[in-house]
């Protein structure tokens, strides 16, 4: 990971010191991650936040935070729905809810990291979703191929991370550079062993996980042979990865024990980090590819992979 601090630690919003913690809290609630919710509640109180805000969004008297919740909902579950209308509504109109592009970029980085960290926390285990966190059950992840909206397949060769990085770098250069370093590191993070095997090139395995998660969110790599996913990832592993990325609160101890049985704990953590970074990458790419200029192409659905 580079020598700099993680992106979340360098973010600040002008509303107050506690606003980022409130945004973190609403993001963690989307995936019912009680560990992160409790963590950010404590930080919110420590930084002087109004404790009544912790009782629910209807008690939050900051219109900007309230208005951000809709994009929080979309980015958490169906990021392909994030289009120009969402952004225009946040940066234009009523001054009470107006976000500058700079502050919105920071807020989206906070949201994307917390959504992804929920997957990591649930995937590693040891904490369980609160039975109380069940609001808005009607909105969640749907298989991209079965979607009812008109979102088109995201063809990665038409809008790459280089494009996204350039846009983000214009708004928040410190965070953009930090993210770029972490994406690069995560994609090459390996000890060159898998289970009991040493001197193993794990690149193809890591690429299979990375591209499978992209497929779950409607992102297509035209130069990738998706048959490799079924070859390299077992049925249980694909189920685990999909659940971690799309429904992290549904992960059970039995699911954790059914995958990567021969892997060391450090290898399982690295797989969790890979999933986390891939989710952040996917969310940010949808957020910054606002023109939506893709031509419509047949989608390689995750449903095509054998479960």
Protein backbone atom coordinates (compact mmCIF):
# COMPACT_ATOMS: atom_id res chain seq x y z
CA UNK A 1 0.00 0.00 0.00
CA UNK A 2 2.07 3.14 -0.31
CA UNK A 3 3.53 5.08 2.51
CA UNK A 4 0.65 7.53 2.69
CA UNK A 5 -2.26 7.25 5.06
CA UNK A 6 -5.36 5.33 3.88
CA UNK A 7 -7.79 7.54 1.92
CA UNK A 8 -10.42 7.58 4.66
CA UNK A 9 -8.03 9.14 7.17
CA UNK A 10 -7.25 12.13 4.95
CA UNK A 11 -10.82 13.00 4.02
CA UNK A 12 -12.62 15.95 5.51
CA UNK A 13 -15.88 17.68 4.74
CA UNK A 14 -16.64 21.30 5.47
CA UNK A 15 -19.88 20.67 7.40
CA UNK A 16 -18.14 19.48 10.57
CA UNK A 17 -15.49 17.10 11.84
CA UNK A 18 -18.15 14.49 12.47
CA UNK A 19 -19.84 14.56 9.04
CA UNK A 20 -17.53 11.91 7.51
CA UNK A 21 -18.34 9.56 10.39
CA UNK A 22 -22.05 10.09 9.79
CA UNK A 23 -21.58 9.25 6.10
CA UNK A 24 -19.57 6.16 7.07
CA UNK A 25 -22.36 5.13 9.41
CA UNK A 26 -25.09 5.38 6.78
CA UNK A 27 -22.92 3.40 4.34
CA UNK A 28 -22.28 0.61 6.86
CA UNK A 29 -25.98 0.42 7.64
CA UNK A 30 -26.75 -0.44 4.00
CA UNK A 31 -24.94 -3.77 4.51
CA UNK A 32 -26.03 -4.20 8.16
CA UNK A 33 -22.45 -4.31 9.41
CA UNK A 34 -22.82 -3.82 13.14
CA UNK A 35 -19.04 -3.81 13.70
CA UNK A 36 -18.50 -0.78 11.47
CA UNK A 37 -21.70 0.90 12.62
CA UNK A 38 -20.56 0.72 16.24
CA UNK A 39 -17.07 1.89 15.28
CA UNK A 40 -18.30 4.98 13.44
CA UNK A 41 -20.89 5.77 16.09
CA UNK A 42 -18.08 5.97 18.66
CA UNK A 43 -15.99 8.16 16.32
CA UNK A 44 -19.01 10.34 15.58
CA UNK A 45 -19.49 11.00 19.29
CA UNK A 46 -15.74 11.51 19.84
CA UNK A 47 -15.59 14.18 17.12
CA UNK A 48 -18.49 16.12 18.63
CA UNK A 49 -21.39 14.89 16.51
CA UNK A 50 -24.98 15.43 17.57
CA UNK A 51 -25.89 12.09 19.17
CA UNK A 52 -29.53 12.34 18.12
CA UNK A 53 -28.34 11.77 14.54
CA UNK A 54 -27.44 8.21 15.55
CA UNK A 55 -31.13 7.41 16.09
CA UNK A 56 -31.80 7.44 12.34
CA UNK A 57 -31.76 9.64 9.27
CA UNK A 58 -35.02 11.31 10.20
CA UNK A 59 -33.19 12.88 13.14
CA UNK A 60 -30.40 14.30 10.96
CA UNK A 61 -30.90 18.04 10.48
CA UNK A 62 -28.18 18.48 7.84
CA UNK A 63 -29.96 18.48 4.42
CA UNK A 64 -26.78 17.64 2.54
CA UNK A 65 -26.28 14.43 4.49
CA UNK A 66 -29.93 13.48 4.03
CA UNK A 67 -29.84 14.13 0.31
CA UNK A 68 -26.74 11.96 -0.02
CA UNK A 69 -28.59 8.85 1.15
CA UNK A 70 -30.15 8.11 -2.24
CA UNK A 71 -26.78 7.82 -3.96
CA UNK A 72 -25.55 5.83 -0.95
CA UNK A 73 -28.35 3.32 -1.58
CA UNK A 74 -27.58 3.04 -5.30
CA UNK A 75 -23.80 2.78 -4.95
CA UNK A 76 -24.16 0.09 -2.28
CA UNK A 77 -26.35 -2.26 -4.31
CA UNK A 78 -26.73 -1.28 -7.98
CA UNK A 79 -23.93 1.16 -8.90
CA UNK A 80 -24.77 0.91 -12.61
CA UNK A 81 -27.81 3.10 -11.82
CA UNK A 82 -25.54 6.01 -10.83
CA UNK A 83 -25.97 8.37 -13.75
CA UNK A 84 -25.84 12.06 -14.49
CA UNK A 85 -29.26 12.70 -12.93
CA UNK A 86 -28.03 11.67 -9.49
CA UNK A 87 -24.97 13.88 -9.73
CA UNK A 88 -26.82 16.85 -11.20
CA UNK A 89 -29.33 16.70 -8.37
CA UNK A 90 -26.54 16.86 -5.81
CA UNK A 91 -24.44 19.64 -7.32
CA UNK A 92 -27.21 21.91 -8.62
CA UNK A 93 -30.48 23.29 -7.34
CA UNK A 94 -31.37 24.22 -3.77
CA UNK A 95 -28.32 25.69 -2.05
CA UNK A 96 -29.22 23.85 1.17
CA UNK A 97 -28.49 20.49 -0.46
CA UNK A 98 -25.85 21.63 -2.94
CA UNK A 99 -22.56 19.71 -2.89
CA UNK A 100 -19.44 21.00 -4.59
CA UNK A 101 -17.82 18.50 -6.95
CA UNK A 102 -14.81 18.36 -4.61
CA UNK A 103 -16.87 17.52 -1.53
CA UNK A 104 -19.03 15.05 -3.46
CA UNK A 105 -15.90 13.26 -4.68
CA UNK A 106 -14.74 12.89 -1.07
CA UNK A 107 -18.17 11.70 0.05
CA UNK A 108 -18.29 9.04 -2.68
CA UNK A 109 -14.83 7.79 -1.70
CA UNK A 110 -16.07 7.47 1.90
CA UNK A 111 -19.20 5.62 0.79
CA UNK A 112 -17.38 3.25 -1.56
CA UNK A 113 -14.73 2.35 1.02
CA UNK A 114 -17.26 1.66 3.75
CA UNK A 115 -19.48 -0.44 1.46
CA UNK A 116 -16.43 -2.49 0.51
CA UNK A 117 -15.16 -2.76 4.09
CA UNK A 118 -18.52 -4.29 5.05
CA UNK A 119 -17.72 -7.13 2.65
CA UNK A 120 -14.28 -7.55 4.19
CA UNK A 121 -15.60 -7.59 7.76
CA UNK A 122 -18.38 -10.07 7.01
CA UNK A 123 -16.06 -12.18 4.85
CA UNK A 124 -13.31 -12.50 7.45
CA UNK A 125 -15.86 -13.28 10.15
CA UNK A 126 -16.20 -12.77 13.86
CA UNK A 127 -18.96 -10.15 13.71
CA UNK A 128 -22.60 -10.56 12.82
CA UNK A 129 -25.28 -8.26 11.38
CA UNK A 130 -27.63 -6.66 13.84
CA UNK A 131 -31.20 -7.95 13.71
CA UNK A 132 -32.32 -4.33 13.93
CA UNK A 133 -30.70 -3.18 10.69
CA UNK A 134 -33.31 -4.20 8.16
CA UNK A 135 -34.59 -0.95 6.70
CA UNK A 136 -35.36 -0.64 2.98
CA UNK A 137 -35.28 -4.39 2.39
CA UNK A 138 -37.04 -3.80 -0.90
CA UNK A 139 -33.89 -2.33 -2.47
CA UNK A 140 -30.79 -4.44 -2.86
CA UNK A 141 -28.51 -6.11 -5.35
CA UNK A 142 -30.08 -7.76 -8.40
CA UNK A 143 -28.27 -9.87 -10.98
CA UNK A 144 -27.12 -7.49 -13.66
CA UNK A 145 -28.44 -9.75 -16.43
CA UNK A 146 -31.88 -9.82 -14.78
CA UNK A 147 -32.09 -6.07 -14.18
CA UNK A 148 -35.25 -4.26 -15.25
CA UNK A 149 -33.52 -0.93 -15.87
CA UNK A 150 -31.86 0.02 -19.15
CA UNK A 151 -28.31 0.23 -17.89
CA UNK A 152 -25.83 -0.95 -20.50
CA UNK A 153 -22.84 -3.18 -20.07
CA UNK A 154 -19.77 -1.24 -18.91
CA UNK A 155 -17.07 -2.01 -21.50
CA UNK A 156 -13.84 -1.44 -19.67
CA UNK A 157 -11.76 -0.67 -22.75
CA UNK A 158 -13.95 2.39 -23.43
CA UNK A 159 -13.48 3.94 -19.98
CA UNK A 160 -10.48 2.72 -18.02
CA UNK A 161 -9.15 3.51 -14.56
CA UNK A 162 -6.71 5.90 -16.26
CA UNK A 163 -9.72 7.99 -17.30
CA UNK A 164 -11.29 7.73 -13.85
CA UNK A 165 -8.02 8.58 -12.14
CA UNK A 166 -7.59 11.68 -14.29
CA UNK A 167 -11.04 12.98 -13.34
CA UNK A 168 -10.61 12.16 -9.66
CA UNK A 169 -7.13 13.66 -9.62
CA UNK A 170 -8.53 17.01 -10.77
CA UNK A 171 -10.91 17.05 -7.78
CA UNK A 172 -9.03 15.36 -4.93
CA UNK A 173 -5.41 14.72 -6.02
CA UNK A 174 -4.20 13.33 -2.67
CA UNK A 175 -6.93 10.72 -2.50
CA UNK A 176 -6.63 9.87 -6.20
CA UNK A 177 -2.93 9.07 -5.88
CA UNK A 178 -3.51 7.04 -2.73
CA UNK A 179 -6.26 5.03 -4.41
CA UNK A 180 -4.14 4.41 -7.48
CA UNK A 181 -1.31 3.02 -5.36
CA UNK A 182 -3.66 0.73 -3.47
CA UNK A 183 -5.34 -0.63 -6.60
CA UNK A 184 -1.94 -1.37 -8.11
CA UNK A 185 -0.68 -3.05 -4.96
CA UNK A 186 -3.81 -5.14 -4.41
CA UNK A 187 -3.65 -6.54 -7.92
CA UNK A 188 -0.10 -7.78 -7.41
CA UNK A 189 -0.37 -8.71 -3.72
CA UNK A 190 0.86 -12.28 -3.32
CA UNK A 191 3.32 -14.39 -1.35
CA UNK A 192 3.62 -16.76 -4.34
CA UNK A 193 2.01 -19.68 -2.55
CA UNK A 194 -1.46 -21.20 -2.37
CA UNK A 195 -2.20 -23.52 0.50
CA UNK A 196 0.58 -26.08 0.59
CA UNK A 197 2.04 -25.09 -2.78
CA UNK A 198 4.98 -22.70 -3.07
CA UNK A 199 6.40 -20.65 -5.95
CA UNK A 200 2.97 -20.30 -7.51
CA UNK A 201 2.09 -17.49 -9.88
CA UNK A 202 -1.30 -16.48 -8.48
CA UNK A 203 -1.94 -13.83 -11.12
CA UNK A 204 -4.47 -15.86 -13.09
CA UNK A 205 -6.36 -16.75 -9.90
CA UNK A 206 -6.46 -13.16 -8.70
CA UNK A 207 -7.58 -12.01 -12.15
CA UNK A 208 -10.40 -14.55 -12.08
CA UNK A 209 -11.68 -13.18 -8.76
CA UNK A 210 -11.27 -9.56 -9.93
CA UNK A 211 -13.04 -10.09 -13.27
CA UNK A 212 -15.79 -12.23 -11.72
CA UNK A 213 -16.68 -9.43 -9.32
CA UNK A 214 -16.69 -7.00 -12.21
CA UNK A 215 -19.11 -9.28 -14.05
CA UNK A 216 -21.43 -9.23 -11.05
CA UNK A 217 -21.62 -5.44 -11.42
CA UNK A 218 -22.02 -5.41 -15.19
CA UNK A 219 -18.40 -4.61 -16.09
CA UNK A 220 -16.95 -6.47 -19.07
CA UNK A 221 -13.34 -7.04 -20.15
CA UNK A 222 -13.40 -7.89 -23.84
CA UNK A 223 -9.87 -9.31 -23.74
CA UNK A 224 -10.60 -11.78 -20.92
CA UNK A 225 -11.61 -15.42 -21.37
CA UNK A 226 -14.44 -15.81 -18.86
CA UNK A 227 -14.25 -19.60 -19.10
CA UNK A 228 -11.23 -19.27 -16.79
CA UNK A 229 -13.55 -18.25 -13.96
CA UNK A 230 -15.23 -21.66 -13.91
CA UNK A 231 -11.86 -23.38 -14.24
CA UNK A 232 -10.11 -21.51 -11.45
CA UNK A 233 -12.91 -20.81 -8.96
CA UNK A 234 -14.93 -23.63 -7.43
CA UNK A 235 -18.70 -23.42 -7.16
CA UNK A 236 -18.42 -22.73 -3.42
CA UNK A 237 -15.78 -20.06 -4.02
CA UNK A 238 -17.95 -18.25 -6.58
CA UNK A 239 -20.90 -18.38 -4.20
CA UNK A 240 -18.75 -16.97 -1.40
CA UNK A 241 -17.30 -14.18 -3.56
CA UNK A 242 -20.73 -13.21 -4.90
CA UNK A 243 -22.22 -13.15 -1.42
CA UNK A 244 -19.31 -11.10 -0.06
CA UNK A 245 -19.58 -8.57 -2.87
CA UNK A 246 -23.37 -8.33 -3.17
CA UNK A 247 -24.98 -9.57 0.06
CA UNK A 248 -22.20 -9.47 2.70
CA UNK A 249 -24.63 -9.67 5.62
CA UNK A 250 -25.69 -13.13 4.40
CA UNK A 251 -22.28 -14.73 4.87
CA UNK A 252 -22.34 -17.54 7.42
CA UNK A 253 -19.60 -19.41 9.22
CA UNK A 254 -20.42 -22.50 7.15
CA UNK A 255 -19.81 -20.49 3.98
CA UNK A 256 -16.45 -19.25 5.28
CA UNK A 257 -15.39 -22.80 6.15
CA UNK A 258 -16.46 -24.19 2.77
CA UNK A 259 -13.92 -22.17 0.78
CA UNK A 260 -10.13 -21.84 0.69
CA UNK A 261 -9.89 -24.77 3.11
CA UNK A 262 -6.17 -25.26 2.59
CA UNK A 263 -5.35 -21.56 2.51
CA UNK A 264 -3.48 -19.85 5.30
CA UNK A 265 -5.39 -17.11 7.11
CA UNK A 266 -3.15 -14.50 5.50
CA UNK A 267 -4.21 -15.79 2.06
CA UNK A 268 -7.88 -15.52 3.00
CA UNK A 269 -7.29 -11.95 4.19
CA UNK A 270 -5.61 -11.10 0.89
CA UNK A 271 -8.59 -12.50 -0.99
CA UNK A 272 -10.82 -10.30 1.18
CA UNK A 273 -8.65 -7.29 0.36
CA UNK A 274 -8.86 -8.11 -3.33
CA UNK A 275 -12.66 -8.24 -3.13
CA UNK A 276 -12.74 -4.98 -1.18
CA UNK A 277 -10.53 -3.06 -3.60
CA UNK A 278 -12.38 -4.45 -6.61
CA UNK A 279 -15.67 -3.19 -5.18
CA UNK A 280 -14.24 0.28 -4.54
CA UNK A 281 -12.84 0.30 -8.07
CA UNK A 282 -16.22 -0.72 -9.55
CA UNK A 283 -18.19 1.90 -7.62
CA UNK A 284 -15.80 4.71 -8.51
CA UNK A 285 -15.72 3.73 -12.16
CA UNK A 286 -19.50 3.96 -12.40
CA UNK A 287 -19.46 7.24 -10.52
CA UNK A 288 -16.92 8.87 -12.85
CA UNK A 289 -18.11 7.39 -16.13
CA UNK A 290 -21.08 9.74 -16.23
CA UNK A 291 -21.40 10.20 -19.98
CA UNK A 292 -22.46 6.55 -20.28
CA UNK A 293 -21.39 6.40 -23.89
CA UNK A 294 -21.05 2.62 -24.12
CA UNK A 295 -22.46 0.90 -27.11
CA UNK A 296 -24.75 -1.96 -26.15
CA UNK A 297 -23.00 -5.34 -26.27
CA UNK A 298 -24.07 -8.80 -25.13
CA UNK A 299 -23.39 -9.08 -21.41
CA UNK A 300 -21.33 -11.94 -20.02
CA UNK A 301 -23.62 -12.60 -17.10
CA UNK A 302 -22.38 -14.02 -13.83
CA UNK A 303 -25.30 -16.42 -14.26
CA UNK A 304 -23.35 -17.98 -17.12
CA UNK A 305 -20.74 -19.18 -14.67
CA UNK A 306 -21.46 -22.62 -13.30
CA UNK A 307 -22.49 -22.45 -9.64
